[in-house]
């Protein structure tokens, strides 16, 4: 189930974001989290199964008709089960009128899923 990020999930979200290659540096990771918490265009969603948060997807919804997919991360123990693709589809369903675009870090994943 896709849920919106809340401050109470900060440590879990930071842990999942840290799996993204460009988010390895703690200062960069903290700045990214601050961006999601303070900028209304930046939205972070978590994927929860039972009581565990096992994935996240971060988007930037601009003022035009596009949404940029900034981050996609799944706990390594749950990878290769289709969770990433399911998260992206769930976010796309939330914004059906928008065109989704990957960034340089998410393009390969979306292309692999035939969603780009």
PDB file of N, CA and C in Angstrom:
ATOM      1  N   UNK A   1       0.843  -1.168   0.000  1.00  0.00           N
ATOM      2  CA  UNK A   1       0.000   0.000   0.000  1.00  0.00           C
ATOM      3  C   UNK A   1       0.893   1.238   0.000  1.00  0.00           C
ATOM      4  N   UNK A   2       0.563   2.190  -0.845  1.00  0.00           N
ATOM      5  CA  UNK A   2       1.312   3.434  -0.941  1.00  0.00           C
ATOM      6  C   UNK A   2       0.775   4.435   0.072  1.00  0.00           C
ATOM      7  N   UNK A   3       1.673   4.989   0.879  1.00  0.00           N
ATOM      8  CA  UNK A   3       1.281   6.002   1.861  1.00  0.00           C
ATOM      9  C   UNK A   3       2.169   7.228   1.718  1.00  0.00           C
ATOM     10  N   UNK A   4       1.643   8.380   2.091  1.00  0.00           N
ATOM     11  CA  UNK A   4       2.436   9.608   2.050  1.00  0.00           C
ATOM     12  C   UNK A   4       3.437   9.606   3.196  1.00  0.00           C
ATOM     13  N   UNK A   5       4.594  10.180   2.922  1.00  0.00           N
ATOM     14  CA  UNK A   5       5.646  10.303   3.926  1.00  0.00           C
ATOM     15  C   UNK A   5       5.166  11.175   5.081  1.00  0.00           C
ATOM     16  N   UNK A   6       5.498  10.752   6.294  1.00  0.00           N
ATOM     17  CA  UNK A   6       5.296  11.540   7.506  1.00  0.00           C
ATOM     18  C   UNK A   6       6.624  11.584   8.248  1.00  0.00           C
ATOM     19  N   UNK A   7       6.819  12.621   9.031  1.00  0.00           N
ATOM     20  CA  UNK A   7       8.068  12.811   9.781  1.00  0.00           C
ATOM     21  C   UNK A   7       8.394  11.590  10.650  1.00  0.00           C
ATOM     22  N   UNK A   8       7.393  10.892  11.130  1.00  0.00           N
ATOM     23  CA  UNK A   8       7.631   9.717  11.978  1.00  0.00           C
ATOM     24  C   UNK A   8       8.338   8.586  11.214  1.00  0.00           C
ATOM     25  N   UNK A   9       8.330   8.649   9.885  1.00  0.00           N
ATOM     26  CA  UNK A   9       9.012   7.648   9.056  1.00  0.00           C
ATOM     27  C   UNK A   9      10.378   8.131   8.563  1.00  0.00           C
ATOM     28  N   UNK A  10      10.895   9.208   9.144  1.00  0.00           N
ATOM     29  CA  UNK A  10      12.115   9.820   8.628  1.00  0.00           C
ATOM     30  C   UNK A  10      13.301   8.856   8.567  1.00  0.00           C
ATOM     31  N   UNK A  11      13.561   8.130   9.628  1.00  0.00           N
ATOM     32  CA  UNK A  11      14.719   7.224   9.640  1.00  0.00           C
ATOM     33  C   UNK A  11      14.572   6.115   8.610  1.00  0.00           C
ATOM     34  N   UNK A  12      13.380   5.572   8.485  1.00  0.00           N
ATOM     35  CA  UNK A  12      13.132   4.525   7.502  1.00  0.00           C
ATOM     36  C   UNK A  12      13.330   5.082   6.090  1.00  0.00           C
ATOM     37  N   UNK A  13      12.777   6.267   5.845  1.00  0.00           N
ATOM     38  CA  UNK A  13      12.903   6.892   4.524  1.00  0.00           C
ATOM     39  C   UNK A  13      14.366   7.188   4.205  1.00  0.00           C
ATOM     40  N   UNK A  14      15.110   7.688   5.174  1.00  0.00           N
ATOM     41  CA  UNK A  14      16.525   7.977   4.947  1.00  0.00           C
ATOM     42  C   UNK A  14      17.289   6.698   4.641  1.00  0.00           C
ATOM     43  N   UNK A  15      16.959   5.629   5.347  1.00  0.00           N
ATOM     44  CA  UNK A  15      17.611   4.345   5.097  1.00  0.00           C
ATOM     45  C   UNK A  15      17.349   3.851   3.681  1.00  0.00           C
ATOM     46  N   UNK A  16      16.110   3.954   3.232  1.00  0.00           N
ATOM     47  CA  UNK A  16      15.771   3.521   1.877  1.00  0.00           C
ATOM     48  C   UNK A  16      16.404   4.429   0.834  1.00  0.00           C
ATOM     49  N   UNK A  17      16.391   5.737   1.077  1.00  0.00           N
ATOM     50  CA  UNK A  17      17.015   6.670   0.129  1.00  0.00           C
ATOM     51  C   UNK A  17      18.514   6.437   0.017  1.00  0.00           C
ATOM     52  N   UNK A  18      19.128   5.999   1.108  1.00  0.00           N
ATOM     53  CA  UNK A  18      20.583   5.802   1.094  1.00  0.00           C
ATOM     54  C   UNK A  18      21.009   4.681   0.145  1.00  0.00           C
ATOM     55  N   UNK A  19      20.066   3.846  -0.301  1.00  0.00           N
ATOM     56  CA  UNK A  19      20.392   2.810  -1.290  1.00  0.00           C
ATOM     57  C   UNK A  19      20.579   3.405  -2.684  1.00  0.00           C
ATOM     58  N   UNK A  20      20.119   4.640  -2.892  1.00  0.00           N
ATOM     59  CA  UNK A  20      20.307   5.297  -4.197  1.00  0.00           C
ATOM     60  C   UNK A  20      21.746   5.794  -4.273  1.00  0.00           C
ATOM     61  N   UNK A  21      22.450   5.515  -5.356  1.00  0.00           N
ATOM     62  CA  UNK A  21      23.877   5.864  -5.452  1.00  0.00           C
ATOM     63  C   UNK A  21      24.192   7.331  -5.176  1.00  0.00           C
ATOM     64  N   UNK A  22      23.331   8.246  -5.632  1.00  0.00           N
ATOM     65  CA  UNK A  22      23.624   9.666  -5.438  1.00  0.00           C
ATOM     66  C   UNK A  22      23.292  10.163  -4.038  1.00  0.00           C
ATOM     67  N   UNK A  23      22.744   9.300  -3.192  1.00  0.00           N
ATOM     68  CA  UNK A  23      22.350   9.694  -1.835  1.00  0.00           C
ATOM     69  C   UNK A  23      23.235   9.048  -0.764  1.00  0.00           C
ATOM     70  N   UNK A  24      24.414   8.596  -1.133  1.00  0.00           N
ATOM     71  CA  UNK A  24      25.301   7.928  -0.171  1.00  0.00           C
ATOM     72  C   UNK A  24      25.862   8.898   0.879  1.00  0.00           C
ATOM     73  N   UNK A  25      26.151  10.133   0.481  1.00  0.00           N
ATOM     74  CA  UNK A  25      26.711  11.125   1.384  1.00  0.00           C
ATOM     75  C   UNK A  25      25.636  11.606   2.361  1.00  0.00           C
ATOM     76  N   UNK A  26      25.926  11.605   3.652  1.00  0.00           N
ATOM     77  CA  UNK A  26      24.939  11.940   4.674  1.00  0.00           C
ATOM     78  C   UNK A  26      24.413  13.372   4.519  1.00  0.00           C
ATOM     79  N   UNK A  27      25.276  14.310   4.161  1.00  0.00           N
ATOM     80  CA  UNK A  27      24.831  15.703   3.975  1.00  0.00           C
ATOM     81  C   UNK A  27      23.857  15.798   2.801  1.00  0.00           C
ATOM     82  N   UNK A  28      24.172  15.113   1.717  1.00  0.00           N
ATOM     83  CA  UNK A  28      23.286  15.099   0.554  1.00  0.00           C
ATOM     84  C   UNK A  28      21.952  14.466   0.919  1.00  0.00           C
ATOM     85  N   UNK A  29      21.999  13.376   1.654  1.00  0.00           N
ATOM     86  CA  UNK A  29      20.798  12.671   2.093  1.00  0.00           C
ATOM     87  C   UNK A  29      19.932  13.572   2.981  1.00  0.00           C
ATOM     88  N   UNK A  30      20.556  14.276   3.917  1.00  0.00           N
ATOM     89  CA  UNK A  30      19.818  15.192   4.794  1.00  0.00           C
ATOM     90  C   UNK A  30      19.183  16.325   3.997  1.00  0.00           C
ATOM     91  N   UNK A  31      19.908  16.850   3.012  1.00  0.00           N
ATOM     92  CA  UNK A  31      19.362  17.913   2.172  1.00  0.00           C
ATOM     93  C   UNK A  31      18.175  17.420   1.348  1.00  0.00           C
ATOM     94  N   UNK A  32      18.264  16.197   0.851  1.00  0.00           N
ATOM     95  CA  UNK A  32      17.162  15.614   0.085  1.00  0.00           C
ATOM     96  C   UNK A  32      15.929  15.464   0.962  1.00  0.00           C
ATOM     97  N   UNK A  33      16.114  14.966   2.174  1.00  0.00           N
ATOM     98  CA  UNK A  33      14.986  14.810   3.094  1.00  0.00           C
ATOM     99  C   UNK A  33      14.357  16.171   3.410  1.00  0.00           C
ATOM    100  N   UNK A  34      15.189  17.165   3.620  1.00  0.00           N
ATOM    101  CA  UNK A  34      14.679  18.512   3.904  1.00  0.00           C
ATOM    102  C   UNK A  34      13.863  19.031   2.722  1.00  0.00           C
ATOM    103  N   UNK A  35      14.331  18.754   1.512  1.00  0.00           N
ATOM    104  CA  UNK A  35      13.609  19.173   0.309  1.00  0.00           C
ATOM    105  C   UNK A  35      12.213  18.552   0.288  1.00  0.00           C
ATOM    106  N   UNK A  36      12.119  17.250   0.570  1.00  0.00           N
ATOM    107  CA  UNK A  36      10.823  16.575   0.594  1.00  0.00           C
ATOM    108  C   UNK A  36       9.922  17.119   1.705  1.00  0.00           C
ATOM    109  N   UNK A  37      10.508  17.529   2.811  1.00  0.00           N
ATOM    110  CA  UNK A  37       9.716  18.006   3.939  1.00  0.00           C
ATOM    111  C   UNK A  37       9.260  19.458   3.786  1.00  0.00           C
ATOM    112  N   UNK A  38       9.985  20.258   3.009  1.00  0.00           N
ATOM    113  CA  UNK A  38       9.683  21.690   2.963  1.00  0.00           C
ATOM    114  C   UNK A  38       9.113  22.185   1.633  1.00  0.00           C
ATOM    115  N   UNK A  39       9.401  21.520   0.537  1.00  0.00           N
ATOM    116  CA  UNK A  39       8.946  21.964  -0.775  1.00  0.00           C
ATOM    117  C   UNK A  39       7.670  21.206  -1.147  1.00  0.00           C
ATOM    118  N   UNK A  40       6.583  21.931  -1.349  1.00  0.00           N
ATOM    119  CA  UNK A  40       5.299  21.278  -1.627  1.00  0.00           C
ATOM    120  C   UNK A  40       5.284  20.539  -2.964  1.00  0.00           C
ATOM    121  N   UNK A  41       6.180  20.893  -3.884  1.00  0.00           N
ATOM    122  CA  UNK A  41       6.252  20.176  -5.162  1.00  0.00           C
ATOM    123  C   UNK A  41       6.963  18.837  -5.039  1.00  0.00           C
ATOM    124  N   UNK A  42       7.782  18.689  -4.015  1.00  0.00           N
ATOM    125  CA  UNK A  42       8.511  17.435  -3.785  1.00  0.00           C
ATOM    126  C   UNK A  42       7.652  16.562  -2.867  1.00  0.00           C
ATOM    127  N   UNK A  43       7.301  15.378  -3.350  1.00  0.00           N
ATOM    128  CA  UNK A  43       6.441  14.489  -2.574  1.00  0.00           C
ATOM    129  C   UNK A  43       7.078  13.110  -2.474  1.00  0.00           C
ATOM    130  N   UNK A  44       7.060  12.585  -1.275  1.00  0.00           N
ATOM    131  CA  UNK A  44       7.657  11.280  -1.001  1.00  0.00           C
ATOM    132  C   UNK A  44       6.561  10.322  -0.565  1.00  0.00           C
ATOM    133  N   UNK A  45       6.573   9.129  -1.156  1.00  0.00           N
ATOM    134  CA  UNK A  45       5.600   8.096  -0.825  1.00  0.00           C
ATOM    135  C   UNK A  45       6.344   6.843  -0.396  1.00  0.00           C
ATOM    136  N   UNK A  46       5.786   6.159   0.586  1.00  0.00           N
ATOM    137  CA  UNK A  46       6.381   4.931   1.103  1.00  0.00           C
ATOM    138  C   UNK A  46       5.485   3.755   0.745  1.00  0.00           C
ATOM    139  N   UNK A  47       6.103   2.611   0.519  1.00  0.00           N
ATOM    140  CA  UNK A  47       5.359   1.385   0.235  1.00  0.00           C
ATOM    141  C   UNK A  47       5.381   0.528   1.487  1.00  0.00           C
ATOM    142  N   UNK A  48       4.184   0.240   1.993  1.00  0.00           N
ATOM    143  CA  UNK A  48       4.055  -0.513   3.238  1.00  0.00           C
ATOM    144  C   UNK A  48       3.336  -1.824   2.964  1.00  0.00           C
ATOM    145  N   UNK A  49       3.926  -2.909   3.448  1.00  0.00           N
ATOM    146  CA  UNK A  49       3.296  -4.228   3.393  1.00  0.00           C
ATOM    147  C   UNK A  49       3.240  -4.759   4.809  1.00  0.00           C
ATOM    148  N   UNK A  50       2.033  -5.092   5.231  1.00  0.00           N
ATOM    149  CA  UNK A  50       1.785  -5.487   6.622  1.00  0.00           C
ATOM    150  C   UNK A  50       2.262  -4.343   7.518  1.00  0.00           C
ATOM    151  N   UNK A  51       3.240  -4.561   8.380  1.00  0.00           N
ATOM    152  CA  UNK A  51       3.708  -3.490   9.264  1.00  0.00           C
ATOM    153  C   UNK A  51       5.055  -2.921   8.853  1.00  0.00           C
ATOM    154  N   UNK A  52       5.566  -3.336   7.708  1.00  0.00           N
ATOM    155  CA  UNK A  52       6.904  -2.926   7.290  1.00  0.00           C
ATOM    156  C   UNK A  52       6.870  -1.975   6.104  1.00  0.00           C
ATOM    157  N   UNK A  53       7.665  -0.909   6.202  1.00  0.00           N
ATOM    158  CA  UNK A  53       7.885  -0.021   5.060  1.00  0.00           C
ATOM    159  C   UNK A  53       9.068  -0.606   4.306  1.00  0.00           C
ATOM    160  N   UNK A  54       8.845  -0.969   3.039  1.00  0.00           N
ATOM    161  CA  UNK A  54       9.892  -1.677   2.297  1.00  0.00           C
ATOM    162  C   UNK A  54      10.342  -0.962   1.031  1.00  0.00           C
ATOM    163  N   UNK A  55       9.712   0.174   0.727  1.00  0.00           N
ATOM    164  CA  UNK A  55      10.113   0.899  -0.469  1.00  0.00           C
ATOM    165  C   UNK A  55       9.663   2.341  -0.424  1.00  0.00           C
ATOM    166  N   UNK A  56      10.211   3.116  -1.342  1.00  0.00           N
ATOM    167  CA  UNK A  56       9.772   4.502  -1.475  1.00  0.00           C
ATOM    168  C   UNK A  56       9.912   4.983  -2.895  1.00  0.00           C
ATOM    169  N   UNK A  57       9.132   5.983  -3.216  1.00  0.00           N
ATOM    170  CA  UNK A  57       9.227   6.669  -4.506  1.00  0.00           C
ATOM    171  C   UNK A  57       9.042   8.152  -4.224  1.00  0.00           C
ATOM    172  N   UNK A  58       9.934   8.945  -4.800  1.00  0.00           N
ATOM    173  CA  UNK A  58       9.879  10.394  -4.633  1.00  0.00           C
ATOM    174  C   UNK A  58       9.661  11.064  -5.970  1.00  0.00           C
ATOM    175  N   UNK A  59       8.768  12.054  -5.978  1.00  0.00           N
ATOM    176  CA  UNK A  59       8.444  12.756  -7.221  1.00  0.00           C
ATOM    177  C   UNK A  59       8.549  14.266  -7.025  1.00  0.00           C
ATOM    178  N   UNK A  60       8.665  14.953  -8.145  1.00  0.00           N
ATOM    179  CA  UNK A  60       8.550  16.407  -8.161  1.00  0.00           C
ATOM    180  C   UNK A  60       7.430  16.736  -9.131  1.00  0.00           C
ATOM    181  N   UNK A  61       6.341  17.262  -8.576  1.00  0.00           N
ATOM    182  CA  UNK A  61       5.187  17.640  -9.384  1.00  0.00           C
ATOM    183  C   UNK A  61       5.273  19.137  -9.659  1.00  0.00           C
ATOM    184  N   UNK A  62       5.584  19.478 -10.886  1.00  0.00           N
ATOM    185  CA  UNK A  62       5.720  20.876 -11.262  1.00  0.00           C
ATOM    186  C   UNK A  62       4.375  21.517 -11.546  1.00  0.00           C
ATOM    187  N   UNK A  63       4.425  22.738 -12.020  1.00  0.00           N
ATOM    188  CA  UNK A  63       3.200  23.476 -12.320  1.00  0.00           C
ATOM    189  C   UNK A  63       2.674  23.181 -13.719  1.00  0.00           C
ATOM    190  N   UNK A  64       3.421  22.410 -14.480  1.00  0.00           N
ATOM    191  CA  UNK A  64       2.956  22.028 -15.812  1.00  0.00           C
ATOM    192  C   UNK A  64       2.339  20.639 -15.744  1.00  0.00           C
ATOM    193  N   UNK A  65       2.288  19.958 -16.841  1.00  0.00           N
ATOM    194  CA  UNK A  65       1.630  18.646 -16.894  1.00  0.00           C
ATOM    195  C   UNK A  65       2.578  17.482 -16.690  1.00  0.00           C
ATOM    196  N   UNK A  66       3.759  17.724 -16.134  1.00  0.00           N
ATOM    197  CA  UNK A  66       4.725  16.638 -15.955  1.00  0.00           C
ATOM    198  C   UNK A  66       5.053  16.410 -14.488  1.00  0.00           C
ATOM    199  N   UNK A  67       5.422  15.188 -14.203  1.00  0.00           N
ATOM    200  CA  UNK A  67       5.898  14.782 -12.888  1.00  0.00           C
ATOM    201  C   UNK A  67       7.231  14.086 -13.106  1.00  0.00           C
ATOM    202  N   UNK A  68       8.241  14.512 -12.376  1.00  0.00           N
ATOM    203  CA  UNK A  68       9.560  13.893 -12.472  1.00  0.00           C
ATOM    204  C   UNK A  68       9.721  12.870 -11.358  1.00  0.00           C
ATOM    205  N   UNK A  69      10.122  11.677 -11.728  1.00  0.00           N
ATOM    206  CA  UNK A  69      10.374  10.641 -10.725  1.00  0.00           C
ATOM    207  C   UNK A  69      11.830  10.788 -10.278  1.00  0.00           C
ATOM    208  N   UNK A  70      11.994  11.252  -9.048  1.00  0.00           N
ATOM    209  CA  UNK A  70      13.311  11.576  -8.511  1.00  0.00           C
ATOM    210  C   UNK A  70      14.013  10.369  -7.886  1.00  0.00           C
ATOM    211  N   UNK A  71      13.280   9.589  -7.124  1.00  0.00           N
ATOM    212  CA  UNK A  71      13.869   8.481  -6.370  1.00  0.00           C
ATOM    213  C   UNK A  71      12.961   7.251  -6.425  1.00  0.00           C
ATOM    214  N   UNK A  72      13.581   6.097  -6.515  1.00  0.00           N
ATOM    215  CA  UNK A  72      12.895   4.806  -6.386  1.00  0.00           C
ATOM    216  C   UNK A  72      13.844   3.920  -5.586  1.00  0.00           C
ATOM    217  N   UNK A  73      13.346   3.350  -4.515  1.00  0.00           N
ATOM    218  CA  UNK A  73      14.195   2.478  -3.714  1.00  0.00           C
ATOM    219  C   UNK A  73      13.352   1.398  -3.052  1.00  0.00           C
ATOM    220  N   UNK A  74      13.883   0.189  -3.060  1.00  0.00           N
ATOM    221  CA  UNK A  74      13.233  -0.942  -2.401  1.00  0.00           C
ATOM    222  C   UNK A  74      14.276  -1.609  -1.512  1.00  0.00           C
ATOM    223  N   UNK A  75      13.862  -1.974  -0.322  1.00  0.00           N
ATOM    224  CA  UNK A  75      14.732  -2.711   0.597  1.00  0.00           C
ATOM    225  C   UNK A  75      15.321  -3.904  -0.159  1.00  0.00           C
ATOM    226  N   UNK A  76      16.644  -4.095  -0.099  1.00  0.00           N
ATOM    227  CA  UNK A  76      17.272  -5.194  -0.853  1.00  0.00           C
ATOM    228  C   UNK A  76      16.658  -6.566  -0.601  1.00  0.00           C
ATOM    229  N   UNK A  77      16.131  -6.801   0.589  1.00  0.00           N
ATOM    230  CA  UNK A  77      15.513  -8.099   0.889  1.00  0.00           C
ATOM    231  C   UNK A  77      14.231  -8.337   0.103  1.00  0.00           C
ATOM    232  N   UNK A  78      13.654  -7.265  -0.467  1.00  0.00           N
ATOM    233  CA  UNK A  78      12.377  -7.380  -1.171  1.00  0.00           C
ATOM    234  C   UNK A  78      12.494  -7.062  -2.665  1.00  0.00           C
ATOM    235  N   UNK A  79      13.704  -6.970  -3.171  1.00  0.00           N
ATOM    236  CA  UNK A  79      13.896  -6.628  -4.578  1.00  0.00           C
ATOM    237  C   UNK A  79      13.557  -7.808  -5.487  1.00  0.00           C
ATOM    238  N   UNK A  80      13.336  -7.494  -6.750  1.00  0.00           N
ATOM    239  CA  UNK A  80      13.021  -8.478  -7.795  1.00  0.00           C
ATOM    240  C   UNK A  80      11.684  -9.178  -7.555  1.00  0.00           C
ATOM    241  N   UNK A  81      10.760  -8.470  -6.900  1.00  0.00           N
ATOM    242  CA  UNK A  81       9.414  -8.985  -6.668  1.00  0.00           C
ATOM    243  C   UNK A  81       8.354  -8.101  -7.322  1.00  0.00           C
ATOM    244  N   UNK A  82       8.790  -7.094  -8.072  1.00  0.00           N
ATOM    245  CA  UNK A  82       7.844  -6.203  -8.749  1.00  0.00           C
ATOM    246  C   UNK A  82       7.355  -5.040  -7.904  1.00  0.00           C
ATOM    247  N   UNK A  83       7.930  -4.854  -6.736  1.00  0.00           N
ATOM    248  CA  UNK A  83       7.472  -3.790  -5.839  1.00  0.00           C
ATOM    249  C   UNK A  83       7.752  -2.406  -6.420  1.00  0.00           C
ATOM    250  N   UNK A  84       8.918  -2.214  -7.004  1.00  0.00           N
ATOM    251  CA  UNK A  84       9.248  -0.920  -7.604  1.00  0.00           C
ATOM    252  C   UNK A  84       8.263  -0.535  -8.690  1.00  0.00           C
ATOM    253  N   UNK A  85       7.983  -1.472  -9.573  1.00  0.00           N
ATOM    254  CA  UNK A  85       7.033  -1.230 -10.659  1.00  0.00           C
ATOM    255  C   UNK A  85       5.635  -0.962 -10.100  1.00  0.00           C
ATOM    256  N   UNK A  86       5.241  -1.701  -9.084  1.00  0.00           N
ATOM    257  CA  UNK A  86       3.934  -1.507  -8.458  1.00  0.00           C
ATOM    258  C   UNK A  86       3.828  -0.127  -7.825  1.00  0.00           C
ATOM    259  N   UNK A  87       4.918   0.330  -7.187  1.00  0.00           N
ATOM    260  CA  UNK A  87       4.923   1.674  -6.579  1.00  0.00           C
ATOM    261  C   UNK A  87       4.745   2.741  -7.648  1.00  0.00           C
ATOM    262  N   UNK A  88       5.473   2.611  -8.754  1.00  0.00           N
ATOM    263  CA  UNK A  88       5.393   3.604  -9.826  1.00  0.00           C
ATOM    264  C   UNK A  88       3.977   3.638 -10.404  1.00  0.00           C
ATOM    265  N   UNK A  89       3.390   2.468 -10.632  1.00  0.00           N
ATOM    266  CA  UNK A  89       2.021   2.422 -11.153  1.00  0.00           C
ATOM    267  C   UNK A  89       1.050   3.086 -10.182  1.00  0.00           C
ATOM    268  N   UNK A  90       1.228   2.861  -8.882  1.00  0.00           N
ATOM    269  CA  UNK A  90       0.342   3.463  -7.881  1.00  0.00           C
ATOM    270  C   UNK A  90       0.454   4.985  -7.892  1.00  0.00           C
ATOM    271  N   UNK A  91       1.672   5.509  -8.032  1.00  0.00           N
ATOM    272  CA  UNK A  91       1.849   6.958  -8.092  1.00  0.00           C
ATOM    273  C   UNK A  91       1.240   7.504  -9.380  1.00  0.00           C
ATOM    274  N   UNK A  92       1.431   6.798 -10.483  1.00  0.00           N
ATOM    275  CA  UNK A  92       0.842   7.237 -11.755  1.00  0.00           C
ATOM    276  C   UNK A  92      -0.683   7.282 -11.673  1.00  0.00           C
ATOM    277  N   UNK A  93      -1.262   6.327 -10.946  1.00  0.00           N
ATOM    278  CA  UNK A  93      -2.711   6.309 -10.771  1.00  0.00           C
ATOM    279  C   UNK A  93      -3.194   7.501  -9.939  1.00  0.00           C
ATOM    280  N   UNK A  94      -2.324   8.022  -9.080  1.00  0.00           N
ATOM    281  CA  UNK A  94      -2.685   9.186  -8.257  1.00  0.00           C
ATOM    282  C   UNK A  94      -2.726  10.472  -9.085  1.00  0.00           C
ATOM    283  N   UNK A  95      -1.965  10.507 -10.166  1.00  0.00           N
ATOM    284  CA  UNK A  95      -1.863  11.688 -11.020  1.00  0.00           C
ATOM    285  C   UNK A  95      -2.128  11.301 -12.478  1.00  0.00           C
ATOM    286  N   UNK A  96      -3.332  10.819 -12.791  1.00  0.00           N
ATOM    287  CA  UNK A  96      -3.576  10.290 -14.140  1.00  0.00           C
ATOM    288  C   UNK A  96      -3.462  11.330 -15.248  1.00  0.00           C
ATOM    289  N   UNK A  97      -3.633  12.596 -14.915  1.00  0.00           N
ATOM    290  CA  UNK A  97      -3.584  13.643 -15.928  1.00  0.00           C
ATOM    291  C   UNK A  97      -2.163  14.118 -16.227  1.00  0.00           C
ATOM    292  N   UNK A  98      -1.191  13.607 -15.481  1.00  0.00           N
ATOM    293  CA  UNK A  98       0.195  14.055 -15.629  1.00  0.00           C
ATOM    294  C   UNK A  98       1.010  13.098 -16.495  1.00  0.00           C
ATOM    295  N   UNK A  99       2.025  13.652 -17.114  1.00  0.00           N
ATOM    296  CA  UNK A  99       2.998  12.849 -17.858  1.00  0.00           C
ATOM    297  C   UNK A  99       4.203  12.627 -16.946  1.00  0.00           C
ATOM    298  N   UNK A 100       4.595  11.386 -16.781  1.00  0.00           N
ATOM    299  CA  UNK A 100       5.711  11.056 -15.891  1.00  0.00           C
ATOM    300  C   UNK A 100       7.010  10.977 -16.671  1.00  0.00           C
ATOM    301  N   UNK A 101       8.051  11.564 -16.086  1.00  0.00           N
ATOM    302  CA  UNK A 101       9.367  11.550 -16.705  1.00  0.00           C
ATOM    303  C   UNK A 101      10.392  11.112 -15.663  1.00  0.00           C
ATOM    304  N   UNK A 102      11.316  10.277 -16.064  1.00  0.00           N
ATOM    305  CA  UNK A 102      12.388   9.901 -15.129  1.00  0.00           C
ATOM    306  C   UNK A 102      13.459  10.984 -15.105  1.00  0.00           C
ATOM    307  N   UNK A 103      14.311  10.920 -14.092  1.00  0.00           N
ATOM    308  CA  UNK A 103      15.528  11.732 -14.121  1.00  0.00           C
ATOM    309  C   UNK A 103      16.666  10.787 -14.499  1.00  0.00           C
ATOM    310  N   UNK A 104      17.888  11.277 -14.478  1.00  0.00           N
ATOM    311  CA  UNK A 104      19.020  10.441 -14.908  1.00  0.00           C
ATOM    312  C   UNK A 104      19.222   9.218 -14.024  1.00  0.00           C
ATOM    313  N   UNK A 105      18.772   9.285 -12.775  1.00  0.00           N
ATOM    314  CA  UNK A 105      18.979   8.179 -11.845  1.00  0.00           C
ATOM    315  C   UNK A 105      17.848   7.144 -11.878  1.00  0.00           C
ATOM    316  N   UNK A 106      16.679   7.535 -12.393  1.00  0.00           N
ATOM    317  CA  UNK A 106      15.545   6.612 -12.414  1.00  0.00           C
ATOM    318  C   UNK A 106      15.188   6.138 -13.823  1.00  0.00           C
ATOM    319  N   UNK A 107      15.836   6.697 -14.839  1.00  0.00           N
ATOM    320  CA  UNK A 107      15.494   6.381 -16.224  1.00  0.00           C
ATOM    321  C   UNK A 107      15.672   4.901 -16.558  1.00  0.00           C
ATOM    322  N   UNK A 108      16.769   4.323 -16.157  1.00  0.00           N
ATOM    323  CA  UNK A 108      17.051   2.913 -16.494  1.00  0.00           C
ATOM    324  C   UNK A 108      15.997   1.994 -15.881  1.00  0.00           C
ATOM    325  N   UNK A 109      15.610   2.273 -14.638  1.00  0.00           N
ATOM    326  CA  UNK A 109      14.601   1.431 -13.993  1.00  0.00           C
ATOM    327  C   UNK A 109      13.265   1.551 -14.709  1.00  0.00           C
ATOM    328  N   UNK A 110      12.849   2.774 -15.007  1.00  0.00           N
ATOM    329  CA  UNK A 110      11.561   2.947 -15.684  1.00  0.00           C
ATOM    330  C   UNK A 110      11.566   2.340 -17.072  1.00  0.00           C
ATOM    331  N   UNK A 111      12.668   2.436 -17.757  1.00  0.00           N
ATOM    332  CA  UNK A 111      12.777   1.835 -19.086  1.00  0.00           C
ATOM    333  C   UNK A 111      12.640   0.318 -18.998  1.00  0.00           C
ATOM    334  N   UNK A 112      13.273  -0.265 -17.996  1.00  0.00           N
ATOM    335  CA  UNK A 112      13.208  -1.712 -17.786  1.00  0.00           C
ATOM    336  C   UNK A 112      11.770  -2.165 -17.500  1.00  0.00           C
ATOM    337  N   UNK A 113      11.014  -1.315 -16.840  1.00  0.00           N
ATOM    338  CA  UNK A 113       9.635  -1.639 -16.491  1.00  0.00           C
ATOM    339  C   UNK A 113       8.644  -1.290 -17.589  1.00  0.00           C
ATOM    340  N   UNK A 114       9.130  -0.744 -18.692  1.00  0.00           N
ATOM    341  CA  UNK A 114       8.252  -0.282 -19.776  1.00  0.00           C
ATOM    342  C   UNK A 114       7.266   0.782 -19.292  1.00  0.00           C
ATOM    343  N   UNK A 115       7.722   1.634 -18.381  1.00  0.00           N
ATOM    344  CA  UNK A 115       6.858   2.695 -17.871  1.00  0.00           C
ATOM    345  C   UNK A 115       7.341   4.077 -18.309  1.00  0.00           C
ATOM    346  N   UNK A 116       8.539   4.185 -18.844  1.00  0.00           N
ATOM    347  CA  UNK A 116       9.098   5.497 -19.214  1.00  0.00           C
ATOM    348  C   UNK A 116       8.505   5.982 -20.516  1.00  0.00           C
TER     349      UNK A 116
END
